[in-house]
């Protein structure tokens, strides 16, 4: 079983979250209201209408690269062309059966979403989703910017407030761990370094619970897949955390570098994270010529039966349907061998078919 794109994203998110949230929890500046400025900068990453961002995330095990993922994103919420994004994932040979290596492009223009997958064999596969919907055509750092649903906003604000309170609780006597490094009228830079004895016990307790769950969920995996997250056992600890970042004169994050090292079961794993955000308010994503796409399929998201379920969806659902002797009709209903409807097929944001079963 290979690690899916979504699962890899979740795993990376957990690792980066440990680094960034730990750093955020200890944030303090050499100004009277520096901690509040730090929280404001972090929250500012959730709502930006125009920017260019470059990000790199590397996972290392015992000093050797496991996977390196990079992306570059140009975003303009109010433009006819809203988004240009390229993703690239490179995996070492030892883990290529477990973590996908791929290259992916995404474009949003005229309310259409366009995806391009570059396969390992050199082929390309493109999809055009017409009338995809503004709500889903958001940039990575504009998660709240176009959300008009008041209930969703309330939930998001509660989550943000909870995170703030957790961070405030962690601060304690560690307020001086982030120190001012340099700056001028346009920017200020800070850095932080923590070792194992400075990490709150609750962080390592949460880490232990998380890795225990991972090991339980993966205990039936064959050794050939070399799951890097199982190498640490069930009780790893954070060995060290470092963070460097810069904010501009408006308090917006422009650069961040972070790393966190886990130690457990005789192994060390490191997450290295780098982020640059620039051209706030001046970014202009470029239009892609749809006619140049290779192997392109077009879907209208508002058109009933826009998918050829019998051919397109069954090829994506594949083994799951075969193993349970299921088939899919032209309306996307999932039927058992007695032609009873047991669920339906949903096309996710990556154009993949997913079976959703009835309760």
Protein backbone atom coordinates (compact mmCIF):
# COMPACT_ATOMS: atom_id res chain seq x y z
CA UNK A 1 0.00 0.00 0.00
CA UNK A 2 1.43 3.34 -1.01
CA UNK A 3 0.96 6.51 0.93
CA UNK A 4 -1.70 8.59 -0.82
CA UNK A 5 -1.26 12.29 -1.52
CA UNK A 6 -3.80 13.18 1.17
CA UNK A 7 -2.15 10.94 3.75
CA UNK A 8 1.27 12.37 2.95
CA UNK A 9 -0.13 15.88 3.30
CA UNK A 10 -1.58 14.96 6.69
CA UNK A 11 1.70 13.43 7.87
CA UNK A 12 3.71 16.45 6.77
CA UNK A 13 1.11 18.74 8.33
CA UNK A 14 1.48 16.99 11.68
CA UNK A 15 5.26 17.25 11.59
CA UNK A 16 5.33 20.88 10.52
CA UNK A 17 2.57 21.70 12.98
CA UNK A 18 4.69 20.41 15.84
CA UNK A 19 7.50 22.73 14.80
CA UNK A 20 5.49 25.86 14.06
CA UNK A 21 2.95 25.62 16.86
CA UNK A 22 5.68 24.88 19.39
CA UNK A 23 7.53 27.95 18.16
CA UNK A 24 4.38 30.03 18.17
CA UNK A 25 3.62 28.96 21.71
CA UNK A 26 6.97 30.29 22.94
CA UNK A 27 6.93 33.44 20.82
CA UNK A 28 8.07 36.62 22.49
CA UNK A 29 9.68 39.79 21.26
CA UNK A 30 11.84 42.44 22.85
CA UNK A 31 8.92 44.87 22.72
CA UNK A 32 6.12 45.34 25.21
CA UNK A 33 3.47 43.88 22.90
CA UNK A 34 5.70 41.55 20.86
CA UNK A 35 3.85 38.36 21.71
CA UNK A 36 0.57 39.77 20.42
CA UNK A 37 2.33 40.93 17.25
CA UNK A 38 3.61 37.38 16.78
CA UNK A 39 0.15 35.89 17.09
CA UNK A 40 -1.21 38.48 14.68
CA UNK A 41 1.41 37.53 12.08
CA UNK A 42 0.52 33.84 12.35
CA UNK A 43 -3.20 34.52 12.09
CA UNK A 44 -2.47 36.75 9.11
CA UNK A 45 -1.48 33.65 7.13
CA UNK A 46 -5.17 32.66 7.03
CA UNK A 47 -6.46 35.64 5.06
CA UNK A 48 -4.53 37.23 2.20
CA UNK A 49 -6.05 38.26 -1.12
CA UNK A 50 -2.87 38.65 -3.15
CA UNK A 51 0.64 37.21 -2.72
CA UNK A 52 3.40 34.97 -4.06
CA UNK A 53 4.54 32.12 -1.81
CA UNK A 54 7.34 29.58 -2.03
CA UNK A 55 7.54 26.67 0.39
CA UNK A 56 9.87 23.72 0.94
CA UNK A 57 9.38 20.84 3.36
CA UNK A 58 11.99 18.12 3.81
CA UNK A 59 11.71 14.94 5.89
CA UNK A 60 14.99 13.32 6.91
CA UNK A 61 15.60 10.05 8.75
CA UNK A 62 19.01 9.56 10.38
CA UNK A 63 20.39 12.33 8.19
CA UNK A 64 19.16 10.83 4.91
CA UNK A 65 16.43 12.44 2.81
CA UNK A 66 13.06 10.66 2.86
CA UNK A 67 10.99 13.15 0.92
CA UNK A 68 11.28 16.76 -0.18
CA UNK A 69 8.17 18.65 -1.26
CA UNK A 70 8.20 22.13 -2.77
CA UNK A 71 5.51 24.42 -4.06
CA UNK A 72 5.22 27.87 -5.54
CA UNK A 73 1.91 29.71 -5.59
CA UNK A 74 0.81 32.97 -7.21
CA UNK A 75 -2.60 34.06 -5.94
CA UNK A 76 -4.98 36.93 -6.68
CA UNK A 77 -8.40 36.44 -5.08
CA UNK A 78 -10.06 39.23 -7.11
CA UNK A 79 -8.49 38.55 -10.50
CA UNK A 80 -9.92 36.75 -13.53
CA UNK A 81 -6.86 34.52 -13.16
CA UNK A 82 -6.79 33.64 -9.49
CA UNK A 83 -4.16 30.96 -9.04
CA UNK A 84 -0.98 29.46 -10.48
CA UNK A 85 0.49 26.67 -8.36
CA UNK A 86 3.19 24.08 -8.95
CA UNK A 87 3.96 21.19 -6.59
CA UNK A 88 6.89 18.80 -6.80
CA UNK A 89 7.63 15.85 -4.54
CA UNK A 90 10.95 13.99 -4.66
CA UNK A 91 11.39 10.74 -2.72
CA UNK A 92 14.54 8.73 -2.04
CA UNK A 93 14.74 5.27 -3.60
CA UNK A 94 14.35 3.53 -0.24
CA UNK A 95 10.89 5.05 0.26
CA UNK A 96 9.58 5.33 -3.30
CA UNK A 97 7.17 2.42 -2.74
CA UNK A 98 5.61 4.24 0.21
CA UNK A 99 5.63 7.95 -0.62
CA UNK A 100 4.65 9.11 -4.09
CA UNK A 101 7.04 11.26 -6.08
CA UNK A 102 5.16 13.47 -8.51
CA UNK A 103 4.78 16.87 -10.09
CA UNK A 104 1.46 18.66 -10.12
CA UNK A 105 0.20 21.98 -11.43
CA UNK A 106 -3.03 23.79 -10.61
CA UNK A 107 -4.58 26.83 -12.26
CA UNK A 108 -7.76 28.75 -11.48
CA UNK A 109 -9.12 31.16 -14.08
CA UNK A 110 -12.59 32.31 -15.11
CA UNK A 111 -14.05 30.23 -12.24
CA UNK A 112 -12.57 27.05 -13.77
CA UNK A 113 -10.05 24.80 -12.07
CA UNK A 114 -7.34 23.18 -14.22
CA UNK A 115 -5.03 20.41 -12.99
CA UNK A 116 -2.00 18.89 -14.70
CA UNK A 117 -0.28 15.75 -13.41
CA UNK A 118 3.22 14.89 -14.63
CA UNK A 119 3.65 11.13 -14.30
CA UNK A 120 6.90 9.35 -13.49
CA UNK A 121 6.92 7.81 -16.98
CA UNK A 122 6.99 11.27 -18.57
CA UNK A 123 3.31 11.43 -19.56
CA UNK A 124 0.86 14.16 -18.58
CA UNK A 125 -2.78 14.01 -17.59
CA UNK A 126 -4.91 17.17 -17.48
CA UNK A 127 -8.40 17.96 -16.23
CA UNK A 128 -10.54 21.06 -16.66
CA UNK A 129 -13.34 21.53 -14.10
CA UNK A 130 -15.71 24.18 -15.43
CA UNK A 131 -17.75 26.26 -12.95
CA UNK A 132 -15.78 24.77 -10.08
CA UNK A 133 -17.02 27.30 -7.53
CA UNK A 134 -15.35 30.30 -5.91
CA UNK A 135 -15.39 28.83 -2.41
CA UNK A 136 -12.98 26.06 -3.40
CA UNK A 137 -10.71 28.21 -5.55
CA UNK A 138 -8.74 29.62 -2.64
CA UNK A 139 -5.06 30.11 -2.09
CA UNK A 140 -3.19 28.25 0.63
CA UNK A 141 -2.93 31.44 2.69
CA UNK A 142 -6.49 32.63 2.12
CA UNK A 143 -8.40 29.96 4.03
CA UNK A 144 -10.87 32.42 5.52
CA UNK A 145 -10.82 35.22 2.97
CA UNK A 146 -13.91 34.35 0.92
CA UNK A 147 -15.94 32.36 3.40
CA UNK A 148 -19.41 33.93 3.54
CA UNK A 149 -20.95 31.21 5.72
CA UNK A 150 -21.43 32.76 9.15
CA UNK A 151 -21.62 29.36 10.89
CA UNK A 152 -18.29 28.33 9.36
CA UNK A 153 -16.73 31.63 10.36
CA UNK A 154 -17.90 31.15 13.94
CA UNK A 155 -16.36 27.68 14.11
CA UNK A 156 -13.10 28.92 12.59
CA UNK A 157 -12.88 31.79 15.06
CA UNK A 158 -13.47 29.40 17.96
CA UNK A 159 -10.64 27.17 16.74
CA UNK A 160 -8.34 30.18 16.41
CA UNK A 161 -9.25 31.39 19.88
CA UNK A 162 -8.62 27.93 21.35
CA UNK A 163 -5.20 27.81 19.68
CA UNK A 164 -4.36 31.23 21.10
CA UNK A 165 -5.26 30.15 24.62
CA UNK A 166 -3.15 27.00 24.29
CA UNK A 167 -0.23 29.12 23.12
CA UNK A 168 -0.73 31.57 26.00
CA UNK A 169 -0.67 28.66 28.44
CA UNK A 170 2.64 27.38 27.07
CA UNK A 171 4.42 30.72 27.19
CA UNK A 172 5.18 30.84 30.92
CA UNK A 173 8.81 31.64 31.69
CA UNK A 174 9.92 30.94 28.13
CA UNK A 175 8.95 34.35 26.77
CA UNK A 176 12.53 35.36 26.08
CA UNK A 177 13.46 32.38 23.89
CA UNK A 178 12.72 34.28 20.69
CA UNK A 179 15.24 37.09 20.39
CA UNK A 180 15.51 40.05 18.07
CA UNK A 181 18.24 39.52 15.46
CA UNK A 182 18.13 42.44 13.06
CA UNK A 183 15.84 44.91 11.34
CA UNK A 184 15.21 48.28 9.80
CA UNK A 185 12.22 50.48 9.01
CA UNK A 186 10.83 47.82 6.65
CA UNK A 187 11.29 44.57 8.55
CA UNK A 188 12.29 42.82 11.77
CA UNK A 189 13.88 39.38 12.17
CA UNK A 190 13.79 37.03 15.15
CA UNK A 191 15.04 33.57 16.03
CA UNK A 192 14.48 30.88 18.64
CA UNK A 193 16.34 27.72 19.68
CA UNK A 194 15.02 25.17 22.17
CA UNK A 195 16.54 21.91 23.38
CA UNK A 196 14.85 18.84 24.84
CA UNK A 197 14.72 20.07 28.45
CA UNK A 198 12.82 23.20 27.39
CA UNK A 199 10.02 21.32 25.62
CA UNK A 200 6.88 21.12 27.81
CA UNK A 201 5.99 17.59 28.89
CA UNK A 202 2.50 17.89 27.42
CA UNK A 203 3.99 18.23 23.92
CA UNK A 204 5.89 14.94 24.19
CA UNK A 205 2.86 13.27 25.77
CA UNK A 206 0.77 14.27 22.76
CA UNK A 207 3.51 13.05 20.46
CA UNK A 208 3.54 9.67 22.18
CA UNK A 209 -0.23 9.32 21.78
CA UNK A 210 -0.01 10.25 18.10
CA UNK A 211 2.76 7.77 17.28
CA UNK A 212 1.07 5.01 19.26
CA UNK A 213 -1.98 5.50 17.06
CA UNK A 214 0.16 5.49 13.91
CA UNK A 215 1.81 2.22 14.91
CA UNK A 216 -1.55 0.60 15.65
CA UNK A 217 -2.93 1.66 12.29
CA UNK A 218 0.15 0.41 10.43
CA UNK A 219 0.96 -2.80 12.28
CA UNK A 220 -0.12 -4.98 9.36
CA UNK A 221 2.10 -3.23 6.80
CA UNK A 222 4.82 -5.28 5.14
CA UNK A 223 8.40 -4.27 5.94
CA UNK A 224 9.10 -3.61 2.26
CA UNK A 225 7.22 -0.33 2.45
CA UNK A 226 9.67 1.15 4.96
CA UNK A 227 7.16 3.42 6.68
CA UNK A 228 9.43 6.22 7.97
CA UNK A 229 6.98 7.18 10.71
CA UNK A 230 7.15 3.74 12.33
CA UNK A 231 10.92 3.91 12.84
CA UNK A 232 10.56 5.99 16.01
CA UNK A 233 8.51 3.51 18.02
CA UNK A 234 5.66 4.74 20.19
CA UNK A 235 7.46 7.17 22.54
CA UNK A 236 9.60 9.62 20.56
CA UNK A 237 10.55 12.98 22.04
CA UNK A 238 11.33 16.34 20.50
CA UNK A 239 15.10 16.72 20.71
CA UNK A 240 15.31 20.32 19.52
CA UNK A 241 13.38 23.06 17.76
CA UNK A 242 14.69 26.08 15.90
CA UNK A 243 12.84 28.92 14.25
CA UNK A 244 13.86 32.04 12.34
CA UNK A 245 11.38 34.46 10.81
CA UNK A 246 10.94 37.96 9.47
CA UNK A 247 7.91 40.25 9.46
CA UNK A 248 7.49 43.42 7.42
CA UNK A 249 6.49 46.86 8.64
CA UNK A 250 2.81 45.84 8.44
CA UNK A 251 3.36 42.80 10.63
CA UNK A 252 3.06 40.32 7.75
CA UNK A 253 5.25 37.24 7.60
CA UNK A 254 7.77 37.42 4.74
CA UNK A 255 10.20 34.64 5.58
CA UNK A 256 10.33 31.66 7.94
CA UNK A 257 12.75 28.79 8.47
CA UNK A 258 12.04 26.08 11.02
CA UNK A 259 13.36 22.66 11.94
CA UNK A 260 12.39 20.09 14.52
CA UNK A 261 14.17 16.84 15.37
CA UNK A 262 12.42 13.80 16.83
CA UNK A 263 14.35 11.08 18.64
CA UNK A 264 13.10 7.60 19.41
CA UNK A 265 13.88 3.90 19.12
CA UNK A 266 17.49 4.64 18.15
CA UNK A 267 16.52 6.90 15.25
CA UNK A 268 16.37 10.62 14.62
CA UNK A 269 13.96 12.30 12.24
CA UNK A 270 14.07 15.93 11.18
CA UNK A 271 11.49 18.17 9.57
CA UNK A 272 12.96 21.16 7.76
CA UNK A 273 10.55 23.88 6.71
CA UNK A 274 11.10 27.01 4.66
CA UNK A 275 8.57 29.63 3.57
CA UNK A 276 8.84 32.90 1.67
CA UNK A 277 5.86 35.17 1.03
CA UNK A 278 6.32 38.28 -1.06
CA UNK A 279 4.72 40.59 -3.66
CA UNK A 280 1.77 41.20 -1.35
CA UNK A 281 -0.83 43.10 -3.39
CA UNK A 282 1.14 43.05 -6.67
CA UNK A 283 1.11 39.37 -7.72
CA UNK A 284 -0.32 38.62 -11.17
CA UNK A 285 -0.93 34.91 -11.90
CA UNK A 286 -0.57 34.10 -15.59
CA UNK A 287 -3.33 32.64 -17.76
CA UNK A 288 -2.79 29.12 -19.12
CA UNK A 289 -3.84 28.28 -22.69
CA UNK A 290 -6.22 25.35 -22.25
CA UNK A 291 -5.73 24.32 -25.87
CA UNK A 292 -2.10 23.38 -25.11
CA UNK A 293 -3.00 20.84 -22.43
CA UNK A 294 -2.12 17.21 -23.10
CA UNK A 295 -4.57 14.33 -22.57
CA UNK A 296 -7.14 16.79 -21.20
CA UNK A 297 -10.62 15.87 -20.02
CA UNK A 298 -13.27 18.53 -19.39
CA UNK A 299 -16.01 18.30 -16.75
CA UNK A 300 -18.81 20.77 -16.07
CA UNK A 301 -19.41 20.74 -12.32
CA UNK A 302 -22.97 22.12 -12.71
CA UNK A 303 -24.01 19.71 -15.43
CA UNK A 304 -25.94 16.64 -14.32
CA UNK A 305 -24.22 13.36 -15.23
CA UNK A 306 -21.12 15.26 -16.35
CA UNK A 307 -18.98 12.19 -15.60
CA UNK A 308 -18.94 8.95 -17.55
CA UNK A 309 -19.29 6.89 -14.38
CA UNK A 310 -19.21 3.48 -15.99
CA UNK A 311 -15.82 4.09 -17.59
CA UNK A 312 -14.11 7.03 -15.86
CA UNK A 313 -15.19 6.44 -12.26
CA UNK A 314 -14.82 2.66 -12.23
CA UNK A 315 -11.24 3.02 -13.40
CA UNK A 316 -10.55 5.35 -10.47
CA UNK A 317 -12.45 3.45 -7.78
CA UNK A 318 -10.93 0.25 -9.12
CA UNK A 319 -9.94 -2.41 -6.62
CA UNK A 320 -12.29 -1.30 -3.86
CA UNK A 321 -15.29 -1.98 -6.09
CA UNK A 322 -13.86 -5.20 -7.50
CA UNK A 323 -13.08 -6.69 -4.10
CA UNK A 324 -16.64 -6.15 -2.88
CA UNK A 325 -18.27 -7.15 -6.19
CA UNK A 326 -19.71 -3.70 -6.72
CA UNK A 327 -20.57 -1.82 -9.89
CA UNK A 328 -21.54 1.76 -10.71
CA UNK A 329 -24.49 2.85 -12.84
CA UNK A 330 -24.63 5.91 -15.11
CA UNK A 331 -25.93 8.10 -12.26
CA UNK A 332 -23.00 7.30 -10.00
CA UNK A 333 -24.94 4.95 -7.71
CA UNK A 334 -22.90 2.10 -6.25
CA UNK A 335 -24.74 -1.22 -6.58
CA UNK A 336 -24.07 -4.65 -5.07
CA UNK A 337 -24.45 -7.97 -6.88
CA UNK A 338 -28.22 -7.80 -6.26
CA UNK A 339 -28.41 -4.34 -7.87
CA UNK A 340 -29.21 -2.75 -4.51
CA UNK A 341 -27.91 0.79 -4.00
CA UNK A 342 -25.31 0.71 -1.22
CA UNK A 343 -23.78 4.13 -1.78
CA UNK A 344 -22.64 6.56 -4.44
CA UNK A 345 -19.43 7.83 -6.01
CA UNK A 346 -18.12 11.30 -5.24
CA UNK A 347 -15.44 12.99 -7.33
CA UNK A 348 -12.96 14.72 -5.03
CA UNK A 349 -10.87 17.81 -5.73
CA UNK A 350 -8.14 15.72 -7.36
CA UNK A 351 -10.58 14.20 -9.84
CA UNK A 352 -10.49 10.83 -8.07
CA UNK A 353 -13.55 8.68 -7.54
CA UNK A 354 -14.35 7.83 -3.92
CA UNK A 355 -17.12 5.49 -2.79
CA UNK A 356 -19.38 6.93 -0.07
CA UNK A 357 -21.47 4.19 1.52
CA UNK A 358 -24.95 4.58 2.94
CA UNK A 359 -25.34 4.46 6.72
